[in-house]
PDB file of N, CA and C in Angstrom:
ATOM      1  N   UNK A   1     -28.235 -53.778 118.719  1.00  0.00           N
ATOM      2  CA  UNK A   1     -29.007 -52.765 119.416  1.00  0.00           C
ATOM      3  C   UNK A   1     -28.063 -51.685 119.950  1.00  0.00           C
ATOM      4  N   UNK A   2     -28.395 -50.421 119.712  1.00  0.00           N
ATOM      5  CA  UNK A   2     -27.558 -49.314 120.175  1.00  0.00           C
ATOM      6  C   UNK A   2     -27.745 -49.112 121.675  1.00  0.00           C
ATOM      7  N   UNK A   3     -26.618 -48.799 122.334  1.00  0.00           N
ATOM      8  CA  UNK A   3     -26.641 -48.539 123.778  1.00  0.00           C
ATOM      9  C   UNK A   3     -26.565 -47.041 124.007  1.00  0.00           C
ATOM     10  N   UNK A   4     -27.439 -46.559 124.907  1.00  0.00           N
ATOM     11  CA  UNK A   4     -27.434 -45.146 125.249  1.00  0.00           C
ATOM     12  C   UNK A   4     -27.417 -44.992 126.763  1.00  0.00           C
ATOM     13  N   UNK A   5     -26.575 -44.086 127.238  1.00  0.00           N
ATOM     14  CA  UNK A   5     -26.605 -43.679 128.636  1.00  0.00           C
ATOM     15  C   UNK A   5     -27.296 -42.323 128.676  1.00  0.00           C
ATOM     16  N   UNK A   6     -28.320 -42.214 129.506  1.00  0.00           N
ATOM     17  CA  UNK A   6     -29.024 -40.948 129.672  1.00  0.00           C
ATOM     18  C   UNK A   6     -28.703 -40.433 131.071  1.00  0.00           C
ATOM     19  N   UNK A   7     -28.070 -39.264 131.134  1.00  0.00           N
ATOM     20  CA  UNK A   7     -27.671 -38.687 132.420  1.00  0.00           C
ATOM     21  C   UNK A   7     -28.424 -37.388 132.665  1.00  0.00           C
ATOM     22  N   UNK A   8     -29.249 -37.398 133.691  1.00  0.00           N
ATOM     23  CA  UNK A   8     -30.014 -36.214 134.068  1.00  0.00           C
ATOM     24  C   UNK A   8     -30.432 -36.387 135.514  1.00  0.00           C
ATOM     25  N   UNK A   9     -30.513 -35.302 136.264  1.00  0.00           N
ATOM     26  CA  UNK A   9     -30.924 -35.416 137.658  1.00  0.00           C
ATOM     27  C   UNK A   9     -32.422 -35.198 137.849  1.00  0.00           C
ATOM     28  N   UNK A  10     -33.163 -34.993 136.753  1.00  0.00           N
ATOM     29  CA  UNK A  10     -34.617 -34.827 136.845  1.00  0.00           C
ATOM     30  C   UNK A  10     -35.312 -36.142 136.506  1.00  0.00           C
ATOM     31  N   UNK A  11     -35.981 -36.710 137.503  1.00  0.00           N
ATOM     32  CA  UNK A  11     -36.601 -38.032 137.384  1.00  0.00           C
ATOM     33  C   UNK A  11     -37.588 -38.122 136.210  1.00  0.00           C
ATOM     34  N   UNK A  12     -38.447 -37.113 136.057  1.00  0.00           N
ATOM     35  CA  UNK A  12     -39.462 -37.156 134.982  1.00  0.00           C
ATOM     36  C   UNK A  12     -38.814 -37.193 133.600  1.00  0.00           C
ATOM     37  N   UNK A  13     -37.747 -36.436 133.435  1.00  0.00           N
ATOM     38  CA  UNK A  13     -37.037 -36.427 132.146  1.00  0.00           C
ATOM     39  C   UNK A  13     -36.433 -37.800 131.885  1.00  0.00           C
ATOM     40  N   UNK A  14     -35.796 -38.374 132.907  1.00  0.00           N
ATOM     41  CA  UNK A  14     -35.188 -39.703 132.751  1.00  0.00           C
ATOM     42  C   UNK A  14     -36.227 -40.745 132.341  1.00  0.00           C
ATOM     43  N   UNK A  15     -37.370 -40.750 133.024  1.00  0.00           N
ATOM     44  CA  UNK A  15     -38.390 -41.762 132.742  1.00  0.00           C
ATOM     45  C   UNK A  15     -38.957 -41.605 131.335  1.00  0.00           C
ATOM     46  N   UNK A  16     -39.198 -40.372 130.951  1.00  0.00           N
ATOM     47  CA  UNK A  16     -39.746 -40.094 129.624  1.00  0.00           C
ATOM     48  C   UNK A  16     -38.759 -40.504 128.525  1.00  0.00           C
ATOM     49  N   UNK A  17     -37.494 -40.135 128.695  1.00  0.00           N
ATOM     50  CA  UNK A  17     -36.486 -40.484 127.693  1.00  0.00           C
ATOM     51  C   UNK A  17     -36.231 -41.991 127.666  1.00  0.00           C
ATOM     52  N   UNK A  18     -36.191 -42.616 128.839  1.00  0.00           N
ATOM     53  CA  UNK A  18     -35.971 -44.058 128.898  1.00  0.00           C
ATOM     54  C   UNK A  18     -37.065 -44.791 128.115  1.00  0.00           C
ATOM     55  N   UNK A  19     -38.298 -44.431 128.353  1.00  0.00           N
ATOM     56  CA  UNK A  19     -39.427 -45.060 127.659  1.00  0.00           C
ATOM     57  C   UNK A  19     -39.299 -44.868 126.145  1.00  0.00           C
ATOM     58  N   UNK A  20     -39.049 -43.643 125.725  1.00  0.00           N
ATOM     59  CA  UNK A  20     -38.990 -43.336 124.288  1.00  0.00           C
ATOM     60  C   UNK A  20     -37.847 -44.054 123.586  1.00  0.00           C
ATOM     61  N   UNK A  21     -36.680 -44.082 124.210  1.00  0.00           N
ATOM     62  CA  UNK A  21     -35.539 -44.742 123.566  1.00  0.00           C
ATOM     63  C   UNK A  21     -35.704 -46.258 123.541  1.00  0.00           C
ATOM     64  N   UNK A  22     -36.266 -46.824 124.604  1.00  0.00           N
ATOM     65  CA  UNK A  22     -36.528 -48.278 124.592  1.00  0.00           C
ATOM     66  C   UNK A  22     -37.514 -48.621 123.480  1.00  0.00           C
ATOM     67  N   UNK A  23     -38.534 -47.781 123.335  1.00  0.00           N
ATOM     68  CA  UNK A  23     -39.542 -47.989 122.294  1.00  0.00           C
ATOM     69  C   UNK A  23     -38.914 -47.922 120.895  1.00  0.00           C
ATOM     70  N   UNK A  24     -37.817 -47.189 120.776  1.00  0.00           N
ATOM     71  CA  UNK A  24     -37.127 -47.043 119.494  1.00  0.00           C
ATOM     72  C   UNK A  24     -35.944 -47.995 119.357  1.00  0.00           C
ATOM     73  N   UNK A  25     -35.911 -49.030 120.196  1.00  0.00           N
ATOM     74  CA  UNK A  25     -34.935 -50.095 120.019  1.00  0.00           C
ATOM     75  C   UNK A  25     -33.576 -49.905 120.668  1.00  0.00           C
ATOM     76  N   UNK A  26     -33.464 -48.985 121.602  1.00  0.00           N
ATOM     77  CA  UNK A  26     -32.186 -48.760 122.288  1.00  0.00           C
ATOM     78  C   UNK A  26     -32.113 -49.561 123.580  1.00  0.00           C
ATOM     79  N   UNK A  27     -30.901 -49.964 123.936  1.00  0.00           N
ATOM     80  CA  UNK A  27     -30.593 -50.455 125.281  1.00  0.00           C
ATOM     81  C   UNK A  27     -30.334 -49.207 126.107  1.00  0.00           C
ATOM     82  N   UNK A  28     -31.107 -48.976 127.165  1.00  0.00           N
ATOM     83  CA  UNK A  28     -31.031 -47.715 127.901  1.00  0.00           C
ATOM     84  C   UNK A  28     -30.427 -47.923 129.289  1.00  0.00           C
ATOM     85  N   UNK A  29     -29.483 -47.058 129.636  1.00  0.00           N
ATOM     86  CA  UNK A  29     -28.863 -47.047 130.954  1.00  0.00           C
ATOM     87  C   UNK A  29     -29.060 -45.658 131.547  1.00  0.00           C
ATOM     88  N   UNK A  30     -29.475 -45.607 132.812  1.00  0.00           N
ATOM     89  CA  UNK A  30     -29.833 -44.344 133.453  1.00  0.00           C
ATOM     90  C   UNK A  30     -28.772 -43.943 134.473  1.00  0.00           C
ATOM     91  N   UNK A  31     -28.360 -42.667 134.400  1.00  0.00           N
ATOM     92  CA  UNK A  31     -27.418 -42.103 135.371  1.00  0.00           C
ATOM     93  C   UNK A  31     -28.013 -40.799 135.895  1.00  0.00           C
ATOM     94  N   UNK A  32     -27.798 -40.531 137.164  1.00  0.00           N
ATOM     95  CA  UNK A  32     -28.344 -39.317 137.763  1.00  0.00           C
ATOM     96  C   UNK A  32     -27.312 -38.201 137.903  1.00  0.00           C
ATOM     97  N   UNK A  33     -26.069 -38.526 137.582  1.00  0.00           N
ATOM     98  CA  UNK A  33     -25.005 -37.512 137.572  1.00  0.00           C
ATOM     99  C   UNK A  33     -23.797 -38.071 136.818  1.00  0.00           C
ATOM    100  N   UNK A  34     -22.785 -37.239 136.678  1.00  0.00           N
ATOM    101  CA  UNK A  34     -21.607 -37.642 135.916  1.00  0.00           C
ATOM    102  C   UNK A  34     -20.853 -38.811 136.506  1.00  0.00           C
ATOM    103  N   UNK A  35     -20.841 -38.925 137.835  1.00  0.00           N
ATOM    104  CA  UNK A  35     -20.108 -40.040 138.442  1.00  0.00           C
ATOM    105  C   UNK A  35     -20.754 -41.374 138.075  1.00  0.00           C
ATOM    106  N   UNK A  36     -22.086 -41.404 137.977  1.00  0.00           N
ATOM    107  CA  UNK A  36     -22.767 -42.640 137.570  1.00  0.00           C
ATOM    108  C   UNK A  36     -22.462 -42.972 136.108  1.00  0.00           C
ATOM    109  N   UNK A  37     -22.334 -41.957 135.264  1.00  0.00           N
ATOM    110  CA  UNK A  37     -21.948 -42.181 133.866  1.00  0.00           C
ATOM    111  C   UNK A  37     -20.574 -42.858 133.831  1.00  0.00           C
ATOM    112  N   UNK A  38     -19.635 -42.324 134.590  1.00  0.00           N
ATOM    113  CA  UNK A  38     -18.276 -42.865 134.595  1.00  0.00           C
ATOM    114  C   UNK A  38     -18.246 -44.295 135.124  1.00  0.00           C
ATOM    115  N   UNK A  39     -19.126 -44.623 136.062  1.00  0.00           N
ATOM    116  CA  UNK A  39     -19.223 -46.005 136.554  1.00  0.00           C
ATOM    117  C   UNK A  39     -19.637 -46.947 135.418  1.00  0.00           C
ATOM    118  N   UNK A  40     -20.647 -46.551 134.639  1.00  0.00           N
ATOM    119  CA  UNK A  40     -21.068 -47.361 133.480  1.00  0.00           C
ATOM    120  C   UNK A  40     -19.912 -47.554 132.502  1.00  0.00           C
ATOM    121  N   UNK A  41     -19.138 -46.497 132.295  1.00  0.00           N
ATOM    122  CA  UNK A  41     -18.076 -46.530 131.295  1.00  0.00           C
ATOM    123  C   UNK A  41     -16.921 -47.451 131.674  1.00  0.00           C
ATOM    124  N   UNK A  42     -16.868 -47.882 132.918  1.00  0.00           N
ATOM    125  CA  UNK A  42     -15.847 -48.847 133.337  1.00  0.00           C
ATOM    126  C   UNK A  42     -16.139 -50.238 132.780  1.00  0.00           C
ATOM    127  N   UNK A  43     -17.415 -50.499 132.468  1.00  0.00           N
ATOM    128  CA  UNK A  43     -17.800 -51.857 132.046  1.00  0.00           C
ATOM    129  C   UNK A  43     -18.438 -51.917 130.664  1.00  0.00           C
ATOM    130  N   UNK A  44     -18.643 -50.783 130.015  1.00  0.00           N
ATOM    131  CA  UNK A  44     -19.294 -50.790 128.700  1.00  0.00           C
ATOM    132  C   UNK A  44     -18.877 -49.586 127.875  1.00  0.00           C
ATOM    133  N   UNK A  45     -19.064 -49.717 126.566  1.00  0.00           N
ATOM    134  CA  UNK A  45     -18.846 -48.597 125.653  1.00  0.00           C
ATOM    135  C   UNK A  45     -20.171 -48.345 124.936  1.00  0.00           C
ATOM    136  N   UNK A  46     -20.860 -47.262 125.310  1.00  0.00           N
ATOM    137  CA  UNK A  46     -22.147 -46.966 124.675  1.00  0.00           C
ATOM    138  C   UNK A  46     -21.957 -46.342 123.293  1.00  0.00           C
ATOM    139  N   UNK A  47     -23.025 -46.350 122.519  1.00  0.00           N
ATOM    140  CA  UNK A  47     -23.005 -45.663 121.225  1.00  0.00           C
ATOM    141  C   UNK A  47     -23.242 -44.165 121.415  1.00  0.00           C
ATOM    142  N   UNK A  48     -24.082 -43.839 122.414  1.00  0.00           N
ATOM    143  CA  UNK A  48     -24.491 -42.454 122.654  1.00  0.00           C
ATOM    144  C   UNK A  48     -24.549 -42.190 124.156  1.00  0.00           C
ATOM    145  N   UNK A  49     -24.139 -40.980 124.539  1.00  0.00           N
ATOM    146  CA  UNK A  49     -24.344 -40.510 125.909  1.00  0.00           C
ATOM    147  C   UNK A  49     -25.114 -39.200 125.807  1.00  0.00           C
ATOM    148  N   UNK A  50     -26.279 -39.173 126.422  1.00  0.00           N
ATOM    149  CA  UNK A  50     -27.119 -37.976 126.483  1.00  0.00           C
ATOM    150  C   UNK A  50     -26.847 -37.354 127.848  1.00  0.00           C
ATOM    151  N   UNK A  51     -26.305 -36.148 127.866  1.00  0.00           N
ATOM    152  CA  UNK A  51     -25.723 -35.599 129.076  1.00  0.00           C
ATOM    153  C   UNK A  51     -26.324 -34.243 129.430  1.00  0.00           C
ATOM    154  N   UNK A  52     -26.948 -34.186 130.600  1.00  0.00           N
ATOM    155  CA  UNK A  52     -27.385 -32.897 131.126  1.00  0.00           C
ATOM    156  C   UNK A  52     -26.134 -32.161 131.605  1.00  0.00           C
ATOM    157  N   UNK A  53     -26.187 -30.847 131.675  1.00  0.00           N
ATOM    158  CA  UNK A  53     -25.023 -30.105 132.146  1.00  0.00           C
ATOM    159  C   UNK A  53     -25.098 -29.871 133.654  1.00  0.00           C
ATOM    160  N   UNK A  54     -26.234 -29.394 134.123  1.00  0.00           N
ATOM    161  CA  UNK A  54     -26.367 -29.048 135.542  1.00  0.00           C
ATOM    162  C   UNK A  54     -26.833 -30.272 136.332  1.00  0.00           C
ATOM    163  N   UNK A  55     -25.850 -31.011 136.874  1.00  0.00           N
ATOM    164  CA  UNK A  55     -26.127 -32.193 137.691  1.00  0.00           C
ATOM    165  C   UNK A  55     -25.279 -32.123 138.953  1.00  0.00           C
ATOM    166  N   UNK A  56     -25.723 -32.779 140.028  1.00  0.00           N
ATOM    167  CA  UNK A  56     -24.923 -32.787 141.254  1.00  0.00           C
ATOM    168  C   UNK A  56     -23.658 -33.636 141.088  1.00  0.00           C
ATOM    169  N   UNK A  57     -22.750 -33.511 142.022  1.00  0.00           N
ATOM    170  CA  UNK A  57     -21.503 -34.281 142.103  1.00  0.00           C
ATOM    171  C   UNK A  57     -20.534 -33.994 140.963  1.00  0.00           C
ATOM    172  N   UNK A  58     -20.905 -34.356 139.735  1.00  0.00           N
ATOM    173  CA  UNK A  58     -20.035 -34.131 138.584  1.00  0.00           C
ATOM    174  C   UNK A  58     -20.913 -33.627 137.443  1.00  0.00           C
ATOM    175  N   UNK A  59     -20.713 -32.375 137.034  1.00  0.00           N
ATOM    176  CA  UNK A  59     -21.588 -31.800 136.003  1.00  0.00           C
ATOM    177  C   UNK A  59     -21.257 -32.337 134.608  1.00  0.00           C
ATOM    178  N   UNK A  60     -22.086 -31.970 133.650  1.00  0.00           N
ATOM    179  CA  UNK A  60     -21.927 -32.470 132.285  1.00  0.00           C
ATOM    180  C   UNK A  60     -20.627 -32.051 131.627  1.00  0.00           C
ATOM    181  N   UNK A  61     -20.208 -30.793 131.844  1.00  0.00           N
ATOM    182  CA  UNK A  61     -18.951 -30.330 131.242  1.00  0.00           C
ATOM    183  C   UNK A  61     -17.771 -31.168 131.736  1.00  0.00           C
ATOM    184  N   UNK A  62     -17.705 -31.372 133.056  1.00  0.00           N
ATOM    185  CA  UNK A  62     -16.595 -32.142 133.638  1.00  0.00           C
ATOM    186  C   UNK A  62     -16.640 -33.592 133.163  1.00  0.00           C
ATOM    187  N   UNK A  63     -17.854 -34.134 133.063  1.00  0.00           N
ATOM    188  CA  UNK A  63     -18.018 -35.514 132.596  1.00  0.00           C
ATOM    189  C   UNK A  63     -17.519 -35.651 131.162  1.00  0.00           C
ATOM    190  N   UNK A  64     -17.902 -34.714 130.299  1.00  0.00           N
ATOM    191  CA  UNK A  64     -17.451 -34.755 128.905  1.00  0.00           C
ATOM    192  C   UNK A  64     -15.934 -34.648 128.833  1.00  0.00           C
ATOM    193  N   UNK A  65     -15.362 -33.806 129.653  1.00  0.00           N
ATOM    194  CA  UNK A  65     -13.909 -33.634 129.673  1.00  0.00           C
ATOM    195  C   UNK A  65     -13.216 -34.972 129.964  1.00  0.00           C
ATOM    196  N   UNK A  66     -13.720 -35.720 130.926  1.00  0.00           N
ATOM    197  CA  UNK A  66     -13.149 -37.026 131.279  1.00  0.00           C
ATOM    198  C   UNK A  66     -13.367 -38.032 130.145  1.00  0.00           C
ATOM    199  N   UNK A  67     -14.560 -38.025 129.566  1.00  0.00           N
ATOM    200  CA  UNK A  67     -14.879 -38.945 128.458  1.00  0.00           C
ATOM    201  C   UNK A  67     -13.920 -38.723 127.289  1.00  0.00           C
ATOM    202  N   UNK A  68     -13.659 -37.463 126.963  1.00  0.00           N
ATOM    203  CA  UNK A  68     -12.817 -37.137 125.805  1.00  0.00           C
ATOM    204  C   UNK A  68     -11.360 -37.573 125.998  1.00  0.00           C
ATOM    205  N   UNK A  69     -10.963 -37.835 127.232  1.00  0.00           N
ATOM    206  CA  UNK A  69      -9.593 -38.285 127.495  1.00  0.00           C
ATOM    207  C   UNK A  69      -9.436 -39.796 127.330  1.00  0.00           C
ATOM    208  N   UNK A  70     -10.542 -40.512 127.153  1.00  0.00           N
ATOM    209  CA  UNK A  70     -10.517 -41.976 127.065  1.00  0.00           C
ATOM    210  C   UNK A  70     -10.522 -42.416 125.600  1.00  0.00           C
ATOM    211  N   UNK A  71      -9.416 -42.975 125.154  1.00  0.00           N
ATOM    212  CA  UNK A  71      -9.264 -43.415 123.758  1.00  0.00           C
ATOM    213  C   UNK A  71     -10.339 -44.435 123.352  1.00  0.00           C
ATOM    214  N   UNK A  72     -10.788 -45.271 124.289  1.00  0.00           N
ATOM    215  CA  UNK A  72     -11.804 -46.290 123.991  1.00  0.00           C
ATOM    216  C   UNK A  72     -13.167 -45.690 123.655  1.00  0.00           C
ATOM    217  N   UNK A  73     -13.377 -44.433 124.019  1.00  0.00           N
ATOM    218  CA  UNK A  73     -14.681 -43.802 123.824  1.00  0.00           C
ATOM    219  C   UNK A  73     -14.702 -42.833 122.647  1.00  0.00           C
ATOM    220  N   UNK A  74     -13.672 -42.868 121.821  1.00  0.00           N
ATOM    221  CA  UNK A  74     -13.573 -41.873 120.741  1.00  0.00           C
ATOM    222  C   UNK A  74     -14.716 -41.968 119.727  1.00  0.00           C
ATOM    223  N   UNK A  75     -15.361 -43.132 119.605  1.00  0.00           N
ATOM    224  CA  UNK A  75     -16.484 -43.270 118.669  1.00  0.00           C
ATOM    225  C   UNK A  75     -17.844 -43.084 119.325  1.00  0.00           C
ATOM    226  N   UNK A  76     -17.858 -42.859 120.633  1.00  0.00           N
ATOM    227  CA  UNK A  76     -19.116 -42.639 121.347  1.00  0.00           C
ATOM    228  C   UNK A  76     -19.595 -41.215 121.102  1.00  0.00           C
ATOM    229  N   UNK A  77     -20.842 -41.075 120.689  1.00  0.00           N
ATOM    230  CA  UNK A  77     -21.429 -39.748 120.469  1.00  0.00           C
ATOM    231  C   UNK A  77     -21.897 -39.189 121.803  1.00  0.00           C
ATOM    232  N   UNK A  78     -21.563 -37.919 122.064  1.00  0.00           N
ATOM    233  CA  UNK A  78     -22.001 -37.268 123.294  1.00  0.00           C
ATOM    234  C   UNK A  78     -22.852 -36.062 122.921  1.00  0.00           C
ATOM    235  N   UNK A  79     -24.057 -36.031 123.470  1.00  0.00           N
ATOM    236  CA  UNK A  79     -25.000 -34.952 123.178  1.00  0.00           C
ATOM    237  C   UNK A  79     -25.406 -34.292 124.477  1.00  0.00           C
ATOM    238  N   UNK A  80     -25.214 -32.991 124.545  1.00  0.00           N
ATOM    239  CA  UNK A  80     -25.705 -32.257 125.708  1.00  0.00           C
ATOM    240  C   UNK A  80     -27.198 -32.036 125.540  1.00  0.00           C
ATOM    241  N   UNK A  81     -27.931 -32.239 126.630  1.00  0.00           N
ATOM    242  CA  UNK A  81     -29.367 -31.963 126.685  1.00  0.00           C
ATOM    243  C   UNK A  81     -29.548 -31.085 127.911  1.00  0.00           C
ATOM    244  N   UNK A  82     -29.706 -29.791 127.696  1.00  0.00           N
ATOM    245  CA  UNK A  82     -29.610 -28.865 128.820  1.00  0.00           C
ATOM    246  C   UNK A  82     -30.601 -27.714 128.737  1.00  0.00           C
ATOM    247  N   UNK A  83     -30.958 -27.185 129.901  1.00  0.00           N
ATOM    248  CA  UNK A  83     -31.771 -25.974 129.971  1.00  0.00           C
ATOM    249  C   UNK A  83     -30.910 -24.737 129.726  1.00  0.00           C
ATOM    250  N   UNK A  84     -29.595 -24.906 129.747  1.00  0.00           N
ATOM    251  CA  UNK A  84     -28.686 -23.783 129.491  1.00  0.00           C
ATOM    252  C   UNK A  84     -28.720 -23.483 127.988  1.00  0.00           C
ATOM    253  N   UNK A  85     -29.476 -22.441 127.630  1.00  0.00           N
ATOM    254  CA  UNK A  85     -29.677 -22.157 126.208  1.00  0.00           C
ATOM    255  C   UNK A  85     -28.998 -20.872 125.745  1.00  0.00           C
ATOM    256  N   UNK A  86     -28.116 -20.344 126.576  1.00  0.00           N
ATOM    257  CA  UNK A  86     -27.349 -19.167 126.204  1.00  0.00           C
ATOM    258  C   UNK A  86     -26.364 -19.568 125.094  1.00  0.00           C
ATOM    259  N   UNK A  87     -26.221 -18.757 124.051  1.00  0.00           N
ATOM    260  CA  UNK A  87     -25.288 -19.106 122.969  1.00  0.00           C
ATOM    261  C   UNK A  87     -23.876 -19.426 123.453  1.00  0.00           C
ATOM    262  N   UNK A  88     -23.424 -18.754 124.524  1.00  0.00           N
ATOM    263  CA  UNK A  88     -22.076 -19.040 125.060  1.00  0.00           C
ATOM    264  C   UNK A  88     -21.999 -20.459 125.628  1.00  0.00           C
ATOM    265  N   UNK A  89     -23.076 -20.901 126.286  1.00  0.00           N
ATOM    266  CA  UNK A  89     -23.101 -22.267 126.831  1.00  0.00           C
ATOM    267  C   UNK A  89     -23.057 -23.293 125.706  1.00  0.00           C
ATOM    268  N   UNK A  90     -23.839 -23.047 124.669  1.00  0.00           N
ATOM    269  CA  UNK A  90     -23.888 -23.962 123.523  1.00  0.00           C
ATOM    270  C   UNK A  90     -22.517 -24.018 122.843  1.00  0.00           C
ATOM    271  N   UNK A  91     -21.928 -22.841 122.649  1.00  0.00           N
ATOM    272  CA  UNK A  91     -20.603 -22.765 122.019  1.00  0.00           C
ATOM    273  C   UNK A  91     -19.565 -23.513 122.859  1.00  0.00           C
ATOM    274  N   UNK A  92     -19.611 -23.332 124.176  1.00  0.00           N
ATOM    275  CA  UNK A  92     -18.670 -24.016 125.069  1.00  0.00           C
ATOM    276  C   UNK A  92     -18.821 -25.531 124.934  1.00  0.00           C
ATOM    277  N   UNK A  93     -20.067 -26.015 124.932  1.00  0.00           N
ATOM    278  CA  UNK A  93     -20.314 -27.451 124.818  1.00  0.00           C
ATOM    279  C   UNK A  93     -19.772 -28.023 123.516  1.00  0.00           C
ATOM    280  N   UNK A  94     -19.986 -27.319 122.439  1.00  0.00           N
ATOM    281  CA  UNK A  94     -19.513 -27.798 121.138  1.00  0.00           C
ATOM    282  C   UNK A  94     -17.985 -27.728 121.050  1.00  0.00           C
ATOM    283  N   UNK A  95     -17.394 -26.664 121.601  1.00  0.00           N
ATOM    284  CA  UNK A  95     -15.932 -26.544 121.593  1.00  0.00           C
ATOM    285  C   UNK A  95     -15.269 -27.642 122.422  1.00  0.00           C
ATOM    286  N   UNK A  96     -15.972 -28.103 123.455  1.00  0.00           N
ATOM    287  CA  UNK A  96     -15.427 -29.163 124.306  1.00  0.00           C
ATOM    288  C   UNK A  96     -15.474 -30.529 123.621  1.00  0.00           C
ATOM    289  N   UNK A  97     -16.217 -30.600 122.506  1.00  0.00           N
ATOM    290  CA  UNK A  97     -16.241 -31.847 121.758  1.00  0.00           C
ATOM    291  C   UNK A  97     -17.574 -32.574 121.723  1.00  0.00           C
ATOM    292  N   UNK A  98     -18.643 -31.930 122.192  1.00  0.00           N
ATOM    293  CA  UNK A  98     -19.960 -32.564 122.093  1.00  0.00           C
ATOM    294  C   UNK A  98     -20.322 -32.712 120.616  1.00  0.00           C
ATOM    295  N   UNK A  99     -21.052 -33.777 120.295  1.00  0.00           N
ATOM    296  CA  UNK A  99     -21.485 -34.000 118.909  1.00  0.00           C
ATOM    297  C   UNK A  99     -22.740 -33.212 118.572  1.00  0.00           C
ATOM    298  N   UNK A 100     -23.488 -32.824 119.608  1.00  0.00           N
ATOM    299  CA  UNK A 100     -24.680 -32.005 119.417  1.00  0.00           C
ATOM    300  C   UNK A 100     -25.037 -31.360 120.749  1.00  0.00           C
ATOM    301  N   UNK A 101     -25.878 -30.328 120.678  1.00  0.00           N
ATOM    302  CA  UNK A 101     -26.323 -29.623 121.877  1.00  0.00           C
ATOM    303  C   UNK A 101     -27.800 -29.350 121.690  1.00  0.00           C
ATOM    304  N   UNK A 102     -28.624 -29.961 122.519  1.00  0.00           N
ATOM    305  CA  UNK A 102     -30.081 -29.811 122.423  1.00  0.00           C
ATOM    306  C   UNK A 102     -30.552 -29.082 123.674  1.00  0.00           C
ATOM    307  N   UNK A 103     -31.376 -28.048 123.475  1.00  0.00           N
ATOM    308  CA  UNK A 103     -31.856 -27.283 124.617  1.00  0.00           C
ATOM    309  C   UNK A 103     -33.243 -27.767 125.056  1.00  0.00           C
ATOM    310  N   UNK A 104     -33.487 -27.674 126.360  1.00  0.00           N
ATOM    311  CA  UNK A 104     -34.797 -27.994 126.931  1.00  0.00           C
ATOM    312  C   UNK A 104     -35.642 -26.743 126.844  1.00  0.00           C
ATOM    313  N   UNK A 105     -36.923 -26.820 126.595  1.00  0.00           N
ATOM    314  CA  UNK A 105     -37.678 -28.031 126.269  1.00  0.00           C
ATOM    315  C   UNK A 105     -37.332 -28.519 124.864  1.00  0.00           C
ATOM    316  N   UNK A 106     -37.569 -29.792 124.616  1.00  0.00           N
ATOM    317  CA  UNK A 106     -37.190 -30.411 123.358  1.00  0.00           C
ATOM    318  C   UNK A 106     -38.314 -31.333 122.901  1.00  0.00           C
ATOM    319  N   UNK A 107     -38.248 -31.709 121.651  1.00  0.00           N
ATOM    320  CA  UNK A 107     -39.172 -32.699 121.098  1.00  0.00           C
ATOM    321  C   UNK A 107     -38.447 -34.037 121.113  1.00  0.00           C
ATOM    322  N   UNK A 108     -39.034 -35.041 121.780  1.00  0.00           N
ATOM    323  CA  UNK A 108     -38.389 -36.360 121.831  1.00  0.00           C
ATOM    324  C   UNK A 108     -38.224 -36.919 120.426  1.00  0.00           C
ATOM    325  N   UNK A 109     -39.226 -36.728 119.595  1.00  0.00           N
ATOM    326  CA  UNK A 109     -39.156 -37.238 118.216  1.00  0.00           C
ATOM    327  C   UNK A 109     -37.961 -36.624 117.475  1.00  0.00           C
ATOM    328  N   UNK A 110     -37.796 -35.306 117.606  1.00  0.00           N
ATOM    329  CA  UNK A 110     -36.675 -34.621 116.944  1.00  0.00           C
ATOM    330  C   UNK A 110     -35.341 -35.032 117.555  1.00  0.00           C
ATOM    331  N   UNK A 111     -35.324 -35.235 118.866  1.00  0.00           N
ATOM    332  CA  UNK A 111     -34.101 -35.655 119.550  1.00  0.00           C
ATOM    333  C   UNK A 111     -33.653 -37.025 119.046  1.00  0.00           C
ATOM    334  N   UNK A 112     -34.575 -37.960 118.971  1.00  0.00           N
ATOM    335  CA  UNK A 112     -34.238 -39.298 118.475  1.00  0.00           C
ATOM    336  C   UNK A 112     -33.762 -39.213 117.026  1.00  0.00           C
ATOM    337  N   UNK A 113     -34.431 -38.394 116.218  1.00  0.00           N
ATOM    338  CA  UNK A 113     -34.022 -38.236 114.824  1.00  0.00           C
ATOM    339  C   UNK A 113     -32.616 -37.636 114.731  1.00  0.00           C
ATOM    340  N   UNK A 114     -32.329 -36.662 115.586  1.00  0.00           N
ATOM    341  CA  UNK A 114     -31.010 -36.022 115.595  1.00  0.00           C
ATOM    342  C   UNK A 114     -29.925 -37.051 115.947  1.00  0.00           C
ATOM    343  N   UNK A 115     -30.218 -37.918 116.896  1.00  0.00           N
ATOM    344  CA  UNK A 115     -29.261 -38.957 117.275  1.00  0.00           C
ATOM    345  C   UNK A 115     -29.070 -39.944 116.130  1.00  0.00           C
ATOM    346  N   UNK A 116     -30.158 -40.355 115.506  1.00  0.00           N
ATOM    347  CA  UNK A 116     -30.064 -41.276 114.367  1.00  0.00           C
ATOM    348  C   UNK A 116     -29.227 -40.652 113.239  1.00  0.00           C
ATOM    349  N   UNK A 117     -29.388 -39.334 113.032  1.00  0.00           N
ATOM    350  CA  UNK A 117     -28.641 -38.645 111.981  1.00  0.00           C
ATOM    351  C   UNK A 117     -27.129 -38.649 112.245  1.00  0.00           C
ATOM    352  N   UNK A 118     -26.734 -38.728 113.520  1.00  0.00           N
ATOM    353  CA  UNK A 118     -25.308 -38.757 113.855  1.00  0.00           C
ATOM    354  C   UNK A 118     -24.639 -40.050 113.369  1.00  0.00           C
ATOM    355  N   UNK A 119     -25.455 -41.080 113.171  1.00  0.00           N
ATOM    356  CA  UNK A 119     -24.904 -42.356 112.700  1.00  0.00           C
ATOM    357  C   UNK A 119     -25.048 -42.449 111.198  1.00  0.00           C
TER     358      UNK A 119
END
């Protein structure tokens, strides 16, 4: 079973994504900011991290930067899921090493398919 960490500070988005990914056979872990993602990463290596950019405490960009420095996480796919839809934001996310960048609003069906395509 694939493990996914979903990091977002919006409760409704977290609940909706958690339900959909569980229904599609994923082990789902929920984080409300980047620091919670890093806590999970101390004890597990997920297959995918779905990362919002605008979060309190530690934003998505900073979180990705820390993830990319960890040799144990080199096979973990990181996907930004953000309301920041400016081409410069998308370009920055991809240059930082994200495997994909999905803008809100999004289709859960397409998002799951995009993640499956990464494997």
